Protein backbone atom coordinates (compact mmCIF):
# COMPACT_ATOMS: atom_id res chain seq x y z
CA MET A 1 -10.14 10.51 43.61
CA PHE A 2 -9.72 8.36 46.69
CA PHE A 3 -11.01 9.31 50.15
CA PHE A 4 -10.37 7.60 53.49
CA LYS A 5 -11.17 8.65 57.05
CA LYS A 6 -8.39 8.81 59.65
CA LYS A 7 -8.50 9.49 63.40
CA PHE A 8 -5.86 12.07 64.22
CA LYS A 9 -7.39 13.56 67.37
CA LEU A 10 -4.37 14.91 69.22
CA ALA A 11 -4.26 18.31 67.54
CA SER A 12 -8.04 18.73 67.93
CA MET A 13 -7.81 17.93 71.65
CA ILE A 14 -5.04 20.48 72.03
CA ALA A 15 -7.16 23.09 70.30
CA CYS A 16 -10.18 22.41 72.51
CA GLY A 17 -8.08 22.29 75.65
CA ILE A 18 -6.48 25.66 75.11
CA LEU A 19 -9.38 27.46 73.48
CA ALA A 20 -10.93 28.67 76.71
CA SER A 21 -7.66 30.01 78.07
CA ALA A 22 -6.88 31.64 74.72
CA LEU A 23 -10.16 33.50 74.75
CA PHE A 24 -9.92 34.59 78.38
CA THR A 25 -6.29 35.66 78.35
CA GLY A 26 -6.66 37.93 75.35
CA CYS A 27 -4.02 36.24 73.14
CA GLY A 28 -3.17 39.62 71.65
CA GLY A 29 -0.09 41.77 71.57
CA GLY A 30 2.92 41.81 69.33
CA GLU A 31 3.98 38.33 70.39
CA GLN A 32 1.48 36.71 68.05
CA GLY A 33 2.43 38.59 64.94
CA GLY A 34 1.74 41.91 63.32
CA SER A 35 -0.39 43.71 60.81
CA SER A 36 0.83 44.26 57.31
CA GLY A 37 0.61 47.95 58.09
CA GLY A 38 -1.72 50.57 59.49
CA ASP A 39 -4.56 50.36 61.99
CA ALA A 40 -5.82 46.85 62.74
CA LYS A 41 -9.45 48.05 62.58
CA PRO A 42 -11.01 47.41 59.18
CA ALA A 43 -11.61 50.56 57.18
CA GLY A 44 -14.65 50.99 54.97
CA ASP A 45 -12.62 50.55 51.81
CA GLU A 46 -10.66 47.52 53.05
CA ILE A 47 -11.34 43.82 53.40
CA VAL A 48 -9.20 42.41 56.20
CA ILE A 49 -8.03 38.80 55.99
CA GLY A 50 -5.74 36.85 58.29
CA ALA A 51 -2.54 35.04 57.31
CA ASN A 52 -1.87 32.52 60.08
CA PHE A 53 1.39 30.84 59.11
CA GLU A 54 4.37 29.19 60.76
CA LEU A 55 6.85 32.05 60.46
CA THR A 56 9.17 30.65 63.16
CA GLY A 57 9.89 27.15 64.43
CA ASN A 58 10.40 23.83 62.67
CA HIS A 59 7.89 24.53 59.89
CA ALA A 60 8.90 28.13 59.21
CA GLN A 61 10.24 27.31 55.74
CA TYR A 62 6.84 25.94 54.70
CA GLY A 63 4.82 28.72 56.32
CA ALA A 64 6.98 31.51 54.93
CA ASN A 65 6.72 30.19 51.37
CA ALA A 66 2.95 29.71 51.58
CA ASN A 67 2.64 33.21 53.02
CA ASN A 68 4.65 34.61 50.09
CA GLY A 69 2.33 32.89 47.63
CA LEU A 70 -0.71 34.34 49.38
CA LYS A 71 0.78 37.84 49.43
CA LEU A 72 1.48 37.65 45.70
CA ALA A 73 -2.14 36.75 44.93
CA ILE A 74 -3.40 39.64 47.06
CA LYS A 75 -0.88 42.09 45.58
CA GLU A 76 -2.02 41.19 42.07
CA VAL A 77 -5.70 41.84 42.79
CA ASN A 78 -4.97 45.03 44.74
CA ASP A 79 -2.77 46.36 41.93
CA ALA A 80 -5.67 45.69 39.56
CA GLY A 81 -8.03 47.81 41.67
CA GLY A 82 -9.09 45.44 44.42
CA VAL A 83 -12.26 43.43 44.83
CA ASN A 84 -15.67 45.03 44.41
CA GLY A 85 -14.12 48.46 44.90
CA LYS A 86 -12.16 47.51 48.04
CA LYS A 87 -8.53 46.65 48.64
CA ILE A 88 -7.65 43.48 50.57
CA LYS A 89 -5.47 43.97 53.63
CA ILE A 90 -3.49 41.04 55.06
CA VAL A 91 -2.86 40.87 58.80
CA GLU A 92 -0.13 38.36 59.62
CA ALA A 93 0.22 36.26 62.78
CA ASP A 94 2.85 33.68 63.65
CA ALA A 95 1.59 30.16 64.35
CA LYS A 96 5.14 29.37 65.56
CA SER A 97 4.96 25.80 64.21
CA GLU A 98 2.87 24.70 67.20
CA ALA A 99 -0.78 23.69 67.51
CA ALA A 100 -1.36 25.80 70.62
CA GLU A 101 0.16 28.88 69.03
CA SER A 102 -1.93 28.33 65.91
CA VAL A 103 -5.05 28.69 68.05
CA ASN A 104 -3.66 31.75 69.82
CA ALA A 105 -2.82 33.38 66.50
CA ALA A 106 -6.24 32.58 65.03
CA THR A 107 -7.97 33.93 68.13
CA LYS A 108 -6.04 37.20 67.87
CA LEU A 109 -6.81 37.60 64.19
CA ILE A 110 -10.52 36.95 64.73
CA SER A 111 -11.04 38.86 67.99
CA ASP A 112 -8.62 41.76 67.67
CA ASP A 113 -8.13 42.23 63.94
CA LYS A 114 -11.70 41.36 62.86
CA VAL A 115 -10.62 39.32 59.85
CA VAL A 116 -13.32 37.94 57.54
CA ALA A 117 -11.32 34.81 56.59
CA LEU A 118 -8.14 32.96 57.50
CA ILE A 119 -5.50 31.46 55.20
CA GLY A 120 -3.16 28.93 56.80
CA PRO A 121 -1.38 27.49 58.64
CA ALA A 122 0.72 25.42 56.26
CA VAL A 123 0.77 22.02 57.99
CA THR A 124 -2.06 19.68 58.92
CA ALA A 125 -1.85 19.64 62.71
CA ASN A 126 -1.90 23.41 62.96
CA VAL A 127 -4.91 23.81 60.67
CA ILE A 128 -6.81 21.20 62.67
CA ALA A 129 -5.89 23.03 65.85
CA GLU A 130 -7.33 26.36 64.73
CA SER A 131 -10.44 24.89 63.12
CA GLN A 132 -12.63 24.93 66.24
CA VAL A 133 -12.07 28.60 67.12
CA ALA A 134 -12.66 29.58 63.49
CA THR A 135 -15.83 27.51 63.26
CA ASP A 136 -17.16 28.83 66.57
CA ASN A 137 -16.75 32.37 65.24
CA GLY A 138 -18.07 31.63 61.74
CA ILE A 139 -14.79 32.50 60.01
CA PRO A 140 -13.86 30.47 56.90
CA VAL A 141 -10.40 28.89 56.74
CA ILE A 142 -8.46 27.73 53.68
CA GLY A 143 -5.53 25.45 54.48
CA PRO A 144 -3.14 25.70 51.52
CA ALA A 145 -1.16 22.52 52.08
CA ALA A 146 -2.85 20.52 54.86
CA THR A 147 -3.27 17.13 53.19
CA ASN A 148 -4.69 14.97 55.99
CA PRO A 149 -8.38 14.04 55.42
CA ASP A 150 -9.30 15.04 58.99
CA VAL A 151 -8.66 18.70 58.20
CA THR A 152 -12.07 19.11 56.54
CA VAL A 153 -14.02 16.00 57.55
CA GLU A 154 -14.46 14.65 61.08
CA ASN A 155 -16.50 11.58 62.06
CA GLY A 156 -17.97 11.52 58.58
CA GLN A 157 -19.19 15.11 58.76
CA VAL A 158 -17.73 17.99 56.77
CA LYS A 159 -16.49 20.90 58.86
CA PRO A 160 -18.65 23.78 57.57
CA TYR A 161 -16.01 26.53 57.65
CA ILE A 162 -12.82 24.60 56.85
CA PHE A 163 -11.49 24.15 53.29
CA ARG A 164 -8.21 23.26 51.62
CA ALA A 165 -6.36 24.12 48.39
CA CYS A 166 -4.48 20.80 48.04
CA PHE A 167 -5.32 17.19 47.33
CA ILE A 168 -5.33 14.78 50.26
CA ASP A 169 -2.93 12.12 51.51
CA PRO A 170 -4.89 9.09 50.27
CA GLN A 171 -4.75 10.44 46.72
CA GLN A 172 -0.97 10.81 46.86
CA SER A 173 -0.33 7.39 48.35
CA GLU A 174 -2.71 5.61 46.01
CA VAL A 175 -1.21 7.31 42.95
CA MET A 176 2.33 6.37 43.99
CA ALA A 177 1.38 2.81 44.93
CA GLN A 178 -0.28 2.33 41.55
CA PHE A 179 2.68 3.97 39.81
CA ALA A 180 5.09 1.60 41.58
CA ALA A 181 3.06 -1.49 40.74
CA LYS A 182 1.96 -0.65 37.20
CA ASP A 183 4.54 1.72 35.74
CA LEU A 184 7.65 0.40 37.50
CA ASN A 185 6.41 -3.21 37.76
CA ALA A 186 7.53 -3.28 41.39
CA LYS A 187 6.71 -6.40 43.41
CA THR A 188 8.41 -5.47 46.68
CA ALA A 189 8.74 -2.20 48.60
CA VAL A 190 10.28 -0.75 51.75
CA LEU A 191 8.64 2.03 53.74
CA TYR A 192 10.95 4.62 55.31
CA ILE A 193 8.83 7.15 57.19
CA ASP A 194 9.24 10.11 59.51
CA SER A 195 7.72 8.75 62.73
CA SER A 196 7.41 12.27 64.15
CA SER A 197 5.05 13.35 61.34
CA ASP A 198 1.36 12.45 60.98
CA TYR A 199 1.76 13.41 57.32
CA SER A 200 4.44 10.79 56.76
CA LYS A 201 2.78 8.07 58.83
CA SER A 202 -0.57 8.51 57.08
CA LEU A 203 1.04 8.38 53.65
CA GLY A 204 3.03 5.28 54.51
CA LYS A 205 0.00 3.42 55.86
CA ILE A 206 -2.11 4.07 52.78
CA PHE A 207 0.73 3.27 50.37
CA LYS A 208 1.14 -0.13 52.03
CA GLU A 209 -2.58 -0.87 51.85
CA LYS A 210 -2.83 0.03 48.17
CA PHE A 211 0.48 -1.52 47.06
CA GLU A 212 -0.40 -4.83 48.68
CA ALA A 213 -3.96 -4.68 47.30
CA ASP A 214 -2.35 -4.42 43.86
CA GLY A 215 -0.35 -7.60 44.49
CA GLY A 216 2.87 -6.12 45.87
CA LYS A 217 4.48 -6.75 49.24
CA VAL A 218 5.97 -4.31 51.74
CA VAL A 219 8.93 -6.32 53.01
CA MET A 220 10.37 -3.87 55.56
CA GLU A 221 9.38 -0.74 57.47
CA GLU A 222 11.92 1.66 58.98
CA ALA A 223 11.59 5.09 60.58
CA PHE A 224 13.52 8.27 61.26
CA LEU A 225 12.80 11.60 62.98
CA ALA A 226 12.57 15.05 61.47
CA LYS A 227 15.90 16.90 61.60
CA ASP A 228 17.91 13.65 61.72
CA GLN A 229 21.20 13.94 59.85
CA ASP A 230 22.65 10.41 59.64
CA PHE A 231 20.41 7.75 58.05
CA LYS A 232 23.04 5.16 57.15
CA ALA A 233 22.25 2.62 59.89
CA ALA A 234 18.63 2.29 58.78
CA LEU A 235 19.59 2.45 55.10
CA THR A 236 22.06 -0.40 55.60
CA LYS A 237 19.18 -2.53 56.91
CA ILE A 238 16.97 -1.39 54.04
CA GLN A 239 19.66 -2.42 51.58
CA THR A 240 19.43 -6.02 52.79
CA ALA A 241 15.75 -6.16 51.78
CA ASN A 242 16.74 -5.76 48.11
CA ALA A 243 13.31 -4.26 47.40
CA ASP A 244 12.24 -2.94 44.02
CA VAL A 245 11.22 0.47 45.43
CA ILE A 246 11.71 2.50 48.60
CA PHE A 247 8.83 4.80 49.58
CA VAL A 248 9.93 7.88 51.55
CA PRO A 249 6.93 10.15 52.24
CA ALA A 250 8.71 13.06 53.93
CA TYR A 251 9.89 16.63 53.44
CA TYR A 252 12.73 17.61 51.13
CA GLU A 253 15.35 18.43 53.78
CA GLU A 254 15.45 14.86 55.11
CA VAL A 255 14.63 13.34 51.70
CA GLY A 256 17.69 14.92 50.08
CA LYS A 257 19.98 13.52 52.77
CA ILE A 258 18.34 10.08 52.67
CA ILE A 259 18.73 9.82 48.90
CA LYS A 260 22.34 11.04 48.98
CA GLN A 261 23.32 8.55 51.70
CA ALA A 262 21.38 5.70 50.06
CA ARG A 263 23.28 6.13 46.82
CA GLU A 264 26.59 6.38 48.71
CA LEU A 265 25.82 2.96 50.21
CA GLY A 266 25.21 1.57 46.74
CA ILE A 267 21.40 1.43 46.87
CA THR A 268 20.19 1.74 43.27
CA ALA A 269 16.48 0.95 43.75
CA ALA A 270 13.86 3.46 42.69
CA ILE A 271 13.02 5.88 45.52
CA LEU A 272 9.49 7.28 45.58
CA GLY A 273 7.86 10.14 47.43
CA THR A 274 5.11 12.71 47.64
CA ASP A 275 4.60 16.46 47.55
CA GLY A 276 6.89 17.10 50.52
CA TRP A 277 9.77 16.47 48.08
CA ASP A 278 8.73 19.38 45.91
CA ASP A 279 11.49 21.95 46.37
CA SER A 280 14.45 22.74 44.15
CA LYS A 281 16.73 22.54 47.20
CA VAL A 282 16.45 18.75 47.16
CA VAL A 283 18.86 18.77 44.20
CA ASP A 284 21.38 20.84 46.16
CA ILE A 285 21.14 18.47 49.12
CA ALA A 286 21.15 15.11 47.33
CA GLY A 287 23.15 15.92 44.22
CA LYS A 288 22.05 15.48 40.62
CA ASP A 289 23.33 11.95 40.09
CA ALA A 290 21.81 10.63 43.32
CA LEU A 291 18.35 11.78 42.24
CA ASN A 292 18.32 9.62 39.11
CA ASN A 293 15.66 6.90 39.37
CA THR A 294 13.55 8.90 41.84
CA PHE A 295 9.87 9.78 41.44
CA PHE A 296 7.37 11.85 43.40
CA CYS A 297 3.86 13.16 42.96
CA THR A 298 2.92 16.78 43.34
CA HIS A 299 0.42 19.47 42.43
CA TYR A 300 1.77 20.80 39.15
CA PHE A 301 4.54 20.51 36.59
CA GLU A 302 6.38 23.73 35.79
CA GLY A 303 6.45 22.84 32.09
CA ASP A 304 2.65 23.02 31.77
CA ALA A 305 1.42 26.09 29.92
CA GLU A 306 -1.33 26.83 32.45
CA VAL A 307 1.12 27.43 35.32
CA GLN A 308 3.57 29.71 33.48
CA GLY A 309 1.83 32.90 34.54
CA PHE A 310 2.14 32.09 38.23
CA ILE A 311 5.78 30.98 37.97
CA LYS A 312 6.77 34.14 36.07
CA ALA A 313 4.93 36.39 38.53
CA TYR A 314 6.46 34.69 41.57
CA LYS A 315 9.99 34.88 40.19
CA GLY A 316 9.39 38.52 39.32
CA GLU A 317 8.24 39.30 42.86
CA TYR A 318 10.73 37.26 44.90
CA ASN A 319 13.58 36.48 42.45
CA VAL A 320 13.41 32.75 43.27
CA GLU A 321 11.59 29.75 41.84
CA PRO A 322 8.36 28.98 43.70
CA ASN A 323 8.12 25.72 45.60
CA VAL A 324 4.93 23.77 46.21
CA PHE A 325 4.06 25.64 49.42
CA ALA A 326 4.33 28.97 47.60
CA ALA A 327 2.11 27.66 44.80
CA LEU A 328 -0.53 26.39 47.21
CA GLY A 329 -0.49 29.62 49.22
CA TYR A 330 -1.13 31.45 45.95
CA ASP A 331 -3.95 29.02 45.10
CA ALA A 332 -5.58 29.64 48.48
CA GLY A 333 -5.39 33.38 47.91
CA LYS A 334 -6.98 33.06 44.46
CA MET A 335 -9.77 30.93 45.94
CA LEU A 336 -10.51 33.53 48.59
CA ILE A 337 -10.43 36.39 46.09
CA ASN A 338 -12.86 34.55 43.83
CA ALA A 339 -15.20 33.86 46.75
CA ILE A 340 -15.24 37.53 47.79
CA GLU A 341 -15.78 38.66 44.20
CA ARG A 342 -18.84 36.43 43.85
CA GLY A 343 -20.32 36.64 47.35
CA GLY A 344 -19.07 39.79 49.03
CA ASP A 345 -16.98 40.11 52.18
CA ASP A 346 -19.37 38.77 54.82
CA PRO A 347 -17.75 35.64 56.33
CA LYS A 348 -20.85 33.47 55.87
CA LYS A 349 -21.15 34.51 52.23
CA ILE A 350 -17.44 33.89 51.71
CA ARG A 351 -17.92 30.38 53.11
CA ASP A 352 -20.83 29.75 50.76
CA SER A 353 -18.86 31.03 47.78
CA ILE A 354 -15.77 28.92 48.51
CA GLU A 355 -18.02 25.88 48.57
CA THR A 356 -19.26 26.61 45.04
CA ILE A 357 -15.91 27.31 43.34
CA LYS A 358 -15.92 25.71 39.88
CA ASP A 359 -13.17 25.52 37.25
CA LEU A 360 -11.25 28.37 38.87
CA PRO A 361 -7.83 29.07 37.29
CA VAL A 362 -5.19 29.16 40.05
CA GLY A 363 -1.42 28.85 40.17
CA THR A 364 -1.34 25.06 39.87
CA GLY A 365 -4.06 24.70 37.21
CA LYS A 366 -7.80 24.68 37.83
CA ILE A 367 -9.83 23.95 40.96
CA THR A 368 -13.42 22.89 41.57
CA MET A 369 -14.55 22.53 45.18
CA ASP A 370 -16.24 19.33 46.32
CA ALA A 371 -19.01 20.67 48.57
CA ALA A 372 -19.41 17.32 50.33
CA THR A 373 -15.80 17.14 51.56
CA HIS A 374 -14.40 20.68 51.13
CA ASN A 375 -11.54 19.13 49.15
CA PRO A 376 -10.58 20.57 45.76
CA ILE A 377 -11.03 18.46 42.67
CA LYS A 378 -7.74 18.92 40.87
CA GLY A 379 -5.13 17.04 38.92
CA ILE A 380 -1.99 15.36 40.21
CA VAL A 381 1.32 14.77 38.44
CA VAL A 382 4.18 12.30 38.87
CA ILE A 383 7.65 13.77 38.36
CA GLU A 384 10.84 11.89 37.51
CA THR A 385 14.22 13.49 38.18
CA LYS A 386 16.95 12.93 35.59
CA ASP A 387 20.38 14.51 36.02
CA GLY A 388 18.85 17.10 38.33
CA MET A 389 16.07 18.06 35.91
CA ARG A 390 12.41 17.36 36.52
CA GLU A 391 10.45 15.54 33.83
CA LEU A 392 6.74 14.83 33.69
CA ARG A 393 6.25 11.07 34.00
CA ALA A 394 2.44 10.91 34.46
CA LYS A 395 -0.49 13.28 34.71
CA ILE A 396 -3.64 12.09 36.43
CA ALA A 397 -6.77 14.07 35.56
CA PRO A 398 -9.08 15.18 38.38
CA GLU A 399 -12.08 13.02 39.18
CA GLY A 400 -15.47 14.14 40.42
């Protein structure tokens, strides 16, 4: 696939700046989250792992779903007898949708709860924030859904203890730029990004580079902020561009409202997006008719045979359809389980085993870990929505 280096340093600086105070002030107590039950000290027949997710704050929806996916993966292995004769115990902490709190939560889990690995947080900035304290303590981290390249690679060097379960932003943007140019024969595009999100800004930048390299032209760029409700002023300007496609790399809550309001204004152009769209609630927000002629890329298609087991298990456990965050939390859990099965529960051995994952069946398909980048080698799909139903438009095989 396609790999680019970006320089998102703010979250890393926050992590470094607060690390010393986090370590010296203890960072413990109920404020950071709680155990999944029982004494926090690891027992001889338990393997203790940390779930550091955004359970409150702006990203709570994403963190809670990823956490549910992780818990399902752990429940399945525990119900089957555990790993190497031991049950896995999850200790949860709340990253509170903030970089500083992500470090505090990670510090608590490592220092107080003695976890051997961390799963989460869900979003890029919070995984980057916790990465230094985890690395300093030799604790492996798997970020389920952190798509920015800087999560695992910094200044050209792979971070030895940091991994991810998802593909990265450049892959998404390049796939959608190529899809726009080659499948939709688009010559012009508008970017409409969330200027408060590094995720959205990174995706927009790379889409523009690739689309224009393929002969297209980005004729207008507009921006909004997360949690905005009224997008009609910007959409009215976008309408004047009369572009072939509109690229909206954002999360489903805003995406649904943008698409609904665009169609109300009479905008009929194809609207494209990325994995942040991947939630069934987007249909409820936008409406079935509005979502016609929309396309996004994501990690799996629910019609594929290889993902049916996960979908059935998740619906059986939670009585709802899984979204992409739930699927990637489950994938991260399966990766960690496999690493412990093969290497034991010492953190260094877990790290080594994650790095050598090959053709592992997970919720979204199969994963092989690229040891040079700590990014998974996995497929990507493009979904078209027709009358509220998702249809597979393209399936791109993994490279590497």
